[in-house]
């Protein structure tokens, strides 16, 4: 590249010199009518020498100017190479030797310049990556290889993820590459953490039957996470805003839920809680326990809320069943207390009257037996009533807990 540019400059000034010589010879020919022949020849020679001298001086200073310009350009490139915040190294294509490194490269890997110059690109990679880099470079040909993610290794043995960009330069006979290295280890590990958290969320979501939702207050957009379609039969885009989502709440529960939600905006409450009936795609209703947490900006305005809808339909229906059973037990207790004990009380009263009257001794003994049995029946009724009421109280305590 350098020799080609220099050759162009020399040819350019030679053409200028030849043109000047031709013009000078033309002027001499025009004035030859007044000059002596020998004087004309000497004048031609002197003019040629003057133009050659001028041409040589012009070419000399042009070459010096070009060299100076090249030196300045190289110095600027070298300064840019050394001061770049991106780690950069020069690698020979044939043997993968490291030919030059910048300061960022030394800081990132922990090696000195002298150590780098004794190394190859394999030395900054774990052994598992060696065959991959060989195949990668053998298939790139004359074009610059595409950027890829690699696993590199520092001097202390720590492995980390990088993204490299290769640019081919004709520095050596077999060619070389300027390689720019960007440390993306934190990004890769953060993505892995996010992926693990999402996997954990999906596992918990399946285990608890909770449907996670994310509401953007500013854009008024409601996003349903995984499980919504399976639980309620709607598509994920069925309720893009909060108004349409509220329309699926049972009319008897809707006003209370909307008031609780509006408290987030008016009273700056962070927590949202509500239990209501939610309409499914088939028109049926399910009991829902809904919890949410609001995120506020620096001005105290809500910008986002993340919540979880828990399907408690079976639990609610079981509670209703227990309440119904309690009502039945209450009716049974009332029957025991009134319908059974009333005639029993009459029997006991009649027995008392008969015993007060004189009569056959055998009849009196039978009456005694009847009195004992009636008393046992009365005790049994009292015990049934007591156990019924205690069982009801215990069940109510469990429901409250």
Protein backbone atom coordinates (compact mmCIF):
# COMPACT_ATOMS: atom_id res chain seq x y z
CA UNK A 1 0.00 0.00 0.00
CA UNK A 2 2.78 2.42 0.94
CA UNK A 3 4.92 1.62 -2.17
CA UNK A 4 1.92 1.97 -4.48
CA UNK A 5 1.04 5.44 -3.13
CA UNK A 6 4.66 6.59 -3.37
CA UNK A 7 4.90 5.36 -6.99
CA UNK A 8 1.82 7.37 -7.90
CA UNK A 9 3.40 10.57 -6.53
CA UNK A 10 6.70 10.01 -8.41
CA UNK A 11 4.87 9.36 -11.69
CA UNK A 12 2.77 12.48 -11.16
CA UNK A 13 5.80 14.75 -10.68
CA UNK A 14 7.69 13.09 -13.57
CA UNK A 15 4.79 13.92 -15.84
CA UNK A 16 4.92 17.53 -14.61
CA UNK A 17 8.68 17.64 -15.28
CA UNK A 18 8.36 16.15 -18.78
CA UNK A 19 5.58 18.62 -19.58
CA UNK A 20 7.76 21.49 -18.37
CA UNK A 21 10.70 20.26 -20.50
CA UNK A 22 8.53 20.02 -23.61
CA UNK A 23 7.20 23.54 -23.04
CA UNK A 24 10.77 24.81 -22.52
CA UNK A 25 12.00 23.16 -25.75
CA UNK A 26 9.08 24.72 -27.62
CA UNK A 27 10.04 28.17 -26.36
CA UNK A 28 13.65 27.60 -27.39
CA UNK A 29 12.61 26.56 -30.89
CA UNK A 30 10.60 29.75 -31.25
CA UNK A 31 13.65 31.85 -30.36
CA UNK A 32 16.17 29.78 -32.38
CA UNK A 33 16.07 32.22 -35.31
CA UNK A 34 18.04 34.80 -33.35
CA UNK A 35 20.54 32.45 -31.64
CA UNK A 36 23.86 31.04 -32.87
CA UNK A 37 23.75 27.20 -33.46
CA UNK A 38 26.42 26.35 -30.82
CA UNK A 39 24.82 28.72 -28.38
CA UNK A 40 21.45 27.06 -29.06
CA UNK A 41 22.85 23.59 -28.21
CA UNK A 42 24.44 24.82 -25.01
CA UNK A 43 21.25 26.56 -24.01
CA UNK A 44 19.31 23.30 -24.57
CA UNK A 45 21.69 21.37 -22.33
CA UNK A 46 21.63 24.03 -19.61
CA UNK A 47 17.83 24.17 -19.66
CA UNK A 48 17.58 20.37 -19.41
CA UNK A 49 19.93 20.37 -16.42
CA UNK A 50 17.95 23.13 -14.70
CA UNK A 51 14.62 21.31 -15.19
CA UNK A 52 16.13 18.00 -14.01
CA UNK A 53 17.47 19.69 -10.89
CA UNK A 54 14.14 21.34 -10.18
CA UNK A 55 12.32 18.00 -10.76
CA UNK A 56 14.70 16.16 -8.40
CA UNK A 57 14.17 18.77 -5.67
CA UNK A 58 10.39 18.58 -6.08
CA UNK A 59 10.42 14.75 -5.96
CA UNK A 60 12.72 14.74 -2.91
CA UNK A 61 10.51 17.10 -0.89
CA UNK A 62 7.36 15.29 -2.05
CA UNK A 63 8.75 11.98 -0.83
CA UNK A 64 9.72 13.54 2.50
CA UNK A 65 6.29 15.09 2.87
CA UNK A 66 4.65 11.74 2.12
CA UNK A 67 6.88 9.92 4.62
CA UNK A 68 6.17 12.51 7.28
CA UNK A 69 2.45 12.18 6.65
CA UNK A 70 2.72 8.40 6.87
CA UNK A 71 4.63 8.61 10.12
CA UNK A 72 1.97 10.91 11.60
CA UNK A 73 -0.80 8.55 10.48
CA UNK A 74 0.99 5.53 11.93
CA UNK A 75 1.57 7.40 15.19
CA UNK A 76 -2.13 8.29 15.41
CA UNK A 77 -3.12 4.70 14.72
CA UNK A 78 -0.67 3.45 17.33
CA UNK A 79 -2.00 5.94 19.87
CA UNK A 80 -5.57 4.88 19.09
CA UNK A 81 -4.56 1.22 19.41
CA UNK A 82 -2.90 1.71 22.79
CA UNK A 83 -5.49 4.00 24.37
CA UNK A 84 -8.61 2.19 23.15
CA UNK A 85 -10.85 1.06 26.04
CA UNK A 86 -11.53 -2.12 24.06
CA UNK A 87 -9.02 -4.95 24.40
CA UNK A 88 -7.21 -5.36 21.05
CA UNK A 89 -4.47 -7.72 19.89
CA UNK A 90 -2.83 -8.56 16.56
CA UNK A 91 -2.71 -12.25 15.65
CA UNK A 92 -0.74 -13.95 12.87
CA UNK A 93 -3.08 -16.05 10.77
CA UNK A 94 -0.72 -18.91 10.05
CA UNK A 95 0.64 -19.80 13.50
CA UNK A 96 -1.87 -17.89 15.71
CA UNK A 97 0.96 -16.02 17.45
CA UNK A 98 0.13 -12.79 19.29
CA UNK A 99 2.13 -9.99 17.66
CA UNK A 100 0.94 -6.95 19.59
CA UNK A 101 -1.45 -5.99 22.41
CA UNK A 102 -2.82 -2.76 23.84
CA UNK A 103 -3.17 -1.63 27.45
CA UNK A 104 -6.80 -2.75 27.76
CA UNK A 105 -5.78 -6.23 26.66
CA UNK A 106 -3.12 -6.45 29.38
CA UNK A 107 -5.55 -5.17 32.00
CA UNK A 108 -8.29 -7.61 31.02
CA UNK A 109 -6.15 -10.77 30.92
CA UNK A 110 -3.48 -9.92 33.50
CA UNK A 111 -0.43 -10.65 31.29
CA UNK A 112 2.45 -8.27 30.51
CA UNK A 113 3.43 -7.26 26.98
CA UNK A 114 6.50 -9.53 27.08
CA UNK A 115 4.35 -12.48 28.19
CA UNK A 116 1.81 -11.86 25.45
CA UNK A 117 4.50 -11.76 22.75
CA UNK A 118 5.58 -15.27 23.77
CA UNK A 119 2.03 -16.62 23.54
CA UNK A 120 -0.47 -17.75 20.92
CA UNK A 121 -4.20 -17.24 20.86
CA UNK A 122 -4.58 -20.78 22.24
CA UNK A 123 -2.97 -19.65 25.51
CA UNK A 124 -5.85 -17.29 26.27
CA UNK A 125 -8.45 -19.99 25.66
CA UNK A 126 -9.35 -23.16 27.57
CA UNK A 127 -8.33 -26.35 25.83
CA UNK A 128 -11.91 -27.17 24.86
CA UNK A 129 -11.94 -24.08 22.58
CA UNK A 130 -8.71 -24.85 20.66
CA UNK A 131 -10.24 -27.03 17.96
CA UNK A 132 -13.10 -24.59 17.53
CA UNK A 133 -10.80 -21.62 16.82
CA UNK A 134 -8.82 -23.71 14.31
CA UNK A 135 -11.97 -24.63 12.40
CA UNK A 136 -13.24 -21.06 12.64
CA UNK A 137 -10.11 -19.52 11.11
CA UNK A 138 -9.72 -22.21 8.42
CA UNK A 139 -13.19 -21.47 7.03
CA UNK A 140 -13.01 -17.67 6.98
CA UNK A 141 -10.88 -17.41 3.78
CA UNK A 142 -10.04 -13.86 2.67
CA UNK A 143 -13.13 -12.30 4.24
CA UNK A 144 -13.28 -10.97 7.79
CA UNK A 145 -14.75 -13.65 10.09
CA UNK A 146 -18.10 -12.94 11.70
CA UNK A 147 -18.23 -11.94 15.37
CA UNK A 148 -18.82 -14.83 17.73
CA UNK A 149 -18.98 -15.56 21.44
CA UNK A 150 -15.98 -17.40 22.89
CA UNK A 151 -14.81 -18.66 26.24
CA UNK A 152 -11.43 -17.12 27.17
CA UNK A 153 -9.13 -17.59 30.13
CA UNK A 154 -7.24 -15.03 32.20
CA UNK A 155 -3.78 -15.42 33.72
CA UNK A 156 -5.30 -16.38 37.09
CA UNK A 157 -7.19 -19.25 35.43
CA UNK A 158 -10.60 -17.57 35.51
CA UNK A 159 -12.70 -18.32 32.42
CA UNK A 160 -15.06 -15.67 31.05
CA UNK A 161 -17.19 -15.03 27.98
CA UNK A 162 -16.09 -12.55 25.28
CA UNK A 163 -17.29 -11.43 21.87
CA UNK A 164 -14.55 -10.98 19.29
CA UNK A 165 -14.37 -9.11 15.98
CA UNK A 166 -11.69 -9.98 13.40
CA UNK A 167 -10.29 -7.59 10.76
CA UNK A 168 -7.77 -8.89 8.26
CA UNK A 169 -4.56 -6.88 7.61
CA UNK A 170 -1.76 -7.74 5.12
CA UNK A 171 0.96 -7.32 7.73
CA UNK A 172 2.76 -10.59 7.12
CA UNK A 173 3.17 -12.92 4.19
CA UNK A 174 0.48 -15.27 5.46
CA UNK A 175 -1.66 -12.39 6.71
CA UNK A 176 -2.69 -11.25 10.18
CA UNK A 177 -5.79 -10.10 12.01
CA UNK A 178 -6.62 -7.25 14.33
CA UNK A 179 -8.85 -8.83 16.96
CA UNK A 180 -11.10 -6.69 19.18
CA UNK A 181 -12.30 -8.36 22.39
CA UNK A 182 -15.41 -7.26 24.33
CA UNK A 183 -15.98 -8.72 27.80
CA UNK A 184 -19.61 -9.91 27.91
CA UNK A 185 -19.21 -12.30 30.84
CA UNK A 186 -21.56 -10.36 33.13
CA UNK A 187 -24.24 -10.14 30.44
CA UNK A 188 -24.07 -13.86 29.69
CA UNK A 189 -24.24 -14.78 33.38
CA UNK A 190 -27.07 -12.29 33.97
CA UNK A 191 -29.00 -13.87 31.09
CA UNK A 192 -28.41 -17.29 32.62
CA UNK A 193 -29.66 -16.03 36.01
CA UNK A 194 -32.75 -14.58 34.34
CA UNK A 195 -33.32 -17.85 32.51
CA UNK A 196 -32.97 -19.79 35.77
CA UNK A 197 -35.38 -17.41 37.51
CA UNK A 198 -37.90 -17.74 34.69
CA UNK A 199 -37.61 -21.51 34.90
CA UNK A 200 -38.10 -21.31 38.67
CA UNK A 201 -41.11 -19.02 38.19
CA UNK A 202 -42.67 -21.43 35.70
CA UNK A 203 -42.12 -24.34 38.10
CA UNK A 204 -43.66 -22.43 41.02
CA UNK A 205 -46.51 -21.24 38.80
CA UNK A 206 -47.35 -24.80 37.81
CA UNK A 207 -47.06 -25.98 41.42
CA UNK A 208 -49.30 -23.26 42.90
CA UNK A 209 -51.69 -22.68 39.98
CA UNK A 210 -50.98 -18.95 40.27
CA UNK A 211 -51.25 -16.72 37.20
CA UNK A 212 -48.75 -13.84 37.23
CA UNK A 213 -49.84 -10.53 35.69
CA UNK A 214 -47.93 -7.33 34.94
CA UNK A 215 -49.78 -4.00 34.59
CA UNK A 216 -48.20 -0.84 33.14
CA UNK A 217 -50.00 2.19 34.61
CA UNK A 218 -48.52 4.66 32.08
CA UNK A 219 -49.37 2.70 28.93
CA UNK A 220 -52.47 1.05 30.46
CA UNK A 221 -51.30 -2.35 29.26
CA UNK A 222 -51.98 -5.60 31.09
CA UNK A 223 -49.78 -8.59 30.34
CA UNK A 224 -50.66 -12.12 31.41
CA UNK A 225 -47.90 -14.63 32.06
CA UNK A 226 -47.92 -18.37 31.50
CA UNK A 227 -50.90 -20.29 32.88
CA UNK A 228 -53.65 -17.77 32.13
CA UNK A 229 -54.95 -19.57 29.07
CA UNK A 230 -54.86 -22.97 30.77
CA UNK A 231 -56.64 -21.73 33.91
CA UNK A 232 -59.37 -19.50 32.45
CA UNK A 233 -59.51 -20.48 28.78
CA UNK A 234 -58.68 -17.02 27.40
CA UNK A 235 -55.91 -16.09 24.98
CA UNK A 236 -53.04 -13.98 26.34
CA UNK A 237 -54.26 -10.91 24.43
CA UNK A 238 -57.85 -11.08 25.65
CA UNK A 239 -57.47 -8.26 28.23
CA UNK A 240 -54.83 -5.76 27.03
CA UNK A 241 -56.09 -3.01 29.38
CA UNK A 242 -57.34 -2.90 32.95
CA UNK A 243 -60.90 -1.85 32.04
CA UNK A 244 -61.61 -4.95 29.96
CA UNK A 245 -59.99 -7.12 32.63
CA UNK A 246 -62.34 -5.68 35.24
CA UNK A 247 -65.36 -6.55 33.08
CA UNK A 248 -64.66 -10.24 33.64
CA UNK A 249 -65.20 -9.86 37.39
CA UNK A 250 -68.63 -10.89 38.69
CA UNK A 251 -70.96 -7.83 38.81
CA UNK A 252 -71.58 -8.35 42.53
CA UNK A 253 -67.82 -8.22 43.27
CA UNK A 254 -66.65 -5.71 40.66
CA UNK A 255 -67.25 -2.45 42.53
CA UNK A 256 -65.35 -3.59 45.63
CA UNK A 257 -62.39 -4.77 43.53
CA UNK A 258 -62.28 -1.52 41.57
CA UNK A 259 -62.27 0.50 44.78
CA UNK A 260 -59.37 -1.57 46.14
CA UNK A 261 -57.47 -1.04 42.89
CA UNK A 262 -58.10 2.71 42.86
CA UNK A 263 -56.62 2.97 46.37
CA UNK A 264 -53.25 2.25 44.76
CA UNK A 265 -53.54 5.52 42.80
CA UNK A 266 -55.38 7.75 45.27
CA UNK A 267 -53.89 6.59 48.59
CA UNK A 268 -50.48 5.45 47.22
CA UNK A 269 -50.94 1.99 48.68
CA UNK A 270 -48.30 -0.51 47.68
CA UNK A 271 -50.29 -3.68 48.26
CA UNK A 272 -53.42 -4.84 46.49
CA UNK A 273 -55.61 -7.71 47.76
CA UNK A 274 -59.04 -8.90 46.70
CA UNK A 275 -61.14 -12.05 46.56
CA UNK A 276 -63.76 -12.22 43.82
CA UNK A 277 -65.40 -14.35 41.18
CA UNK A 278 -63.77 -14.26 37.73
CA UNK A 279 -65.56 -15.21 34.54
CA UNK A 280 -63.92 -17.93 32.44
CA UNK A 281 -64.11 -18.24 28.67
CA UNK A 282 -66.96 -20.79 28.92
CA UNK A 283 -69.07 -18.36 30.98
CA UNK A 284 -68.55 -20.07 34.33
CA UNK A 285 -67.11 -18.25 37.35
CA UNK A 286 -64.14 -19.17 39.50
CA UNK A 287 -63.27 -17.81 42.91
CA UNK A 288 -59.97 -15.87 42.79
CA UNK A 289 -57.60 -14.58 45.44
CA UNK A 290 -55.67 -11.71 43.84
CA UNK A 291 -52.55 -10.10 45.32
CA UNK A 292 -50.43 -7.32 43.79
CA UNK A 293 -47.47 -5.07 44.57
CA UNK A 294 -47.17 -1.57 43.09
CA UNK A 295 -43.92 0.13 41.99
CA UNK A 296 -43.78 3.94 42.21
CA UNK A 297 -41.55 6.45 40.43
CA UNK A 298 -39.48 9.19 42.08
CA UNK A 299 -42.54 11.48 42.12
CA UNK A 300 -44.62 8.96 44.05
CA UNK A 301 -46.80 7.98 41.09
CA UNK A 302 -47.52 4.29 40.39
CA UNK A 303 -45.87 3.10 37.19
CA UNK A 304 -46.17 -0.66 37.42
CA UNK A 305 -47.88 -3.40 39.39
CA UNK A 306 -47.04 -7.08 39.45
CA UNK A 307 -49.51 -9.54 40.94
CA UNK A 308 -50.63 -13.15 41.15
CA UNK A 309 -54.13 -14.56 40.70
CA UNK A 310 -54.65 -17.73 42.74
CA UNK A 311 -57.47 -20.10 41.85
CA UNK A 312 -59.30 -20.80 45.14
CA UNK A 313 -62.50 -22.11 43.56
CA UNK A 314 -62.26 -25.57 45.14
CA UNK A 315 -61.41 -24.09 48.52
CA UNK A 316 -64.36 -21.67 48.41
CA UNK A 317 -66.79 -24.38 47.32
CA UNK A 318 -65.53 -26.62 50.12
CA UNK A 319 -66.07 -23.79 52.61
CA UNK A 320 -69.60 -23.33 51.31
CA UNK A 321 -70.16 -27.05 51.69
CA UNK A 322 -68.96 -26.90 55.29
CA UNK A 323 -71.25 -23.96 56.00
CA UNK A 324 -74.15 -25.91 54.55
CA UNK A 325 -73.29 -28.88 56.76
CA UNK A 326 -73.10 -26.58 59.78
CA UNK A 327 -76.60 -25.35 59.00
CA UNK A 328 -77.81 -28.91 58.80
CA UNK A 329 -76.15 -29.72 62.13
CA UNK A 330 -77.79 -26.66 63.61
CA UNK A 331 -81.18 -27.87 62.44
CA UNK A 332 -80.48 -31.32 63.90
CA UNK A 333 -79.50 -29.74 67.21
CA UNK A 334 -82.70 -27.69 67.16
CA UNK A 335 -84.74 -30.83 66.49
CA UNK A 336 -82.97 -32.63 69.33
CA UNK A 337 -83.58 -29.72 71.66
CA UNK A 338 -87.20 -29.14 70.82
CA UNK A 339 -88.80 -31.96 68.86
CA UNK A 340 -87.21 -34.87 70.77
CA UNK A 341 -86.86 -33.47 74.25
CA UNK A 342 -90.42 -32.08 74.40
CA UNK A 343 -92.22 -35.47 74.32
CA UNK A 344 -89.47 -36.94 76.42
CA UNK A 345 -90.09 -34.31 79.05
CA UNK A 346 -93.80 -35.16 78.97
CA UNK A 347 -93.05 -38.84 79.52
CA UNK A 348 -90.85 -38.05 82.50
CA UNK A 349 -93.61 -35.87 83.98
CA UNK A 350 -96.22 -38.59 83.54
CA UNK A 351 -93.94 -41.16 85.18
CA UNK A 352 -93.58 -38.87 88.13
CA UNK A 353 -97.38 -38.57 88.47
CA UNK A 354 -97.93 -42.33 88.22
CA UNK A 355 -95.33 -43.01 90.89
CA UNK A 356 -97.15 -40.70 93.24
CA UNK A 357 -100.35 -42.74 92.92
CA UNK A 358 -100.81 -46.01 94.89
CA UNK A 359 -100.93 -49.12 92.68
CA UNK A 360 -99.58 -52.53 91.88
CA UNK A 361 -96.00 -53.12 92.90
CA UNK A 362 -95.10 -54.75 89.53
CA UNK A 363 -96.42 -51.74 87.68
CA UNK A 364 -94.32 -49.50 89.86
CA UNK A 365 -91.21 -51.52 89.03
CA UNK A 366 -91.90 -51.21 85.30
CA UNK A 367 -92.43 -47.52 85.75
CA UNK A 368 -89.03 -47.33 87.45
CA UNK A 369 -87.43 -49.06 84.48
CA UNK A 370 -89.20 -46.65 82.14
CA UNK A 371 -87.96 -43.69 84.17
CA UNK A 372 -84.36 -44.94 84.01
CA UNK A 373 -84.56 -45.45 80.22
CA UNK A 374 -86.14 -42.04 79.73
CA UNK A 375 -83.38 -40.45 81.79
CA UNK A 376 -80.71 -42.21 79.69
CA UNK A 377 -82.44 -41.01 76.50
CA UNK A 378 -82.48 -37.47 77.84
CA UNK A 379 -78.77 -37.62 78.67
CA UNK A 380 -78.04 -38.92 75.18
CA UNK A 381 -79.97 -36.02 73.59
CA UNK A 382 -78.09 -33.52 75.76
CA UNK A 383 -74.73 -35.10 74.79
CA UNK A 384 -75.65 -34.99 71.06
CA UNK A 385 -76.54 -31.32 71.31
CA UNK A 386 -73.32 -30.56 73.15
CA UNK A 387 -71.10 -32.39 70.66
CA UNK A 388 -72.92 -30.80 67.73
CA UNK A 389 -72.33 -27.29 69.06
CA UNK A 390 -68.68 -28.01 69.95
CA UNK A 391 -68.02 -29.44 66.47
CA UNK A 392 -69.56 -26.37 64.86
CA UNK A 393 -67.43 -24.03 66.99
CA UNK A 394 -64.25 -25.96 66.12
CA UNK A 395 -65.06 -25.83 62.40
CA UNK A 396 -65.68 -22.09 62.55
CA UNK A 397 -62.33 -21.63 64.31
CA UNK A 398 -60.56 -23.54 61.51
CA UNK A 399 -62.28 -21.41 58.86
CA UNK A 400 -61.19 -18.20 60.59
CA UNK A 401 -57.60 -19.47 60.86
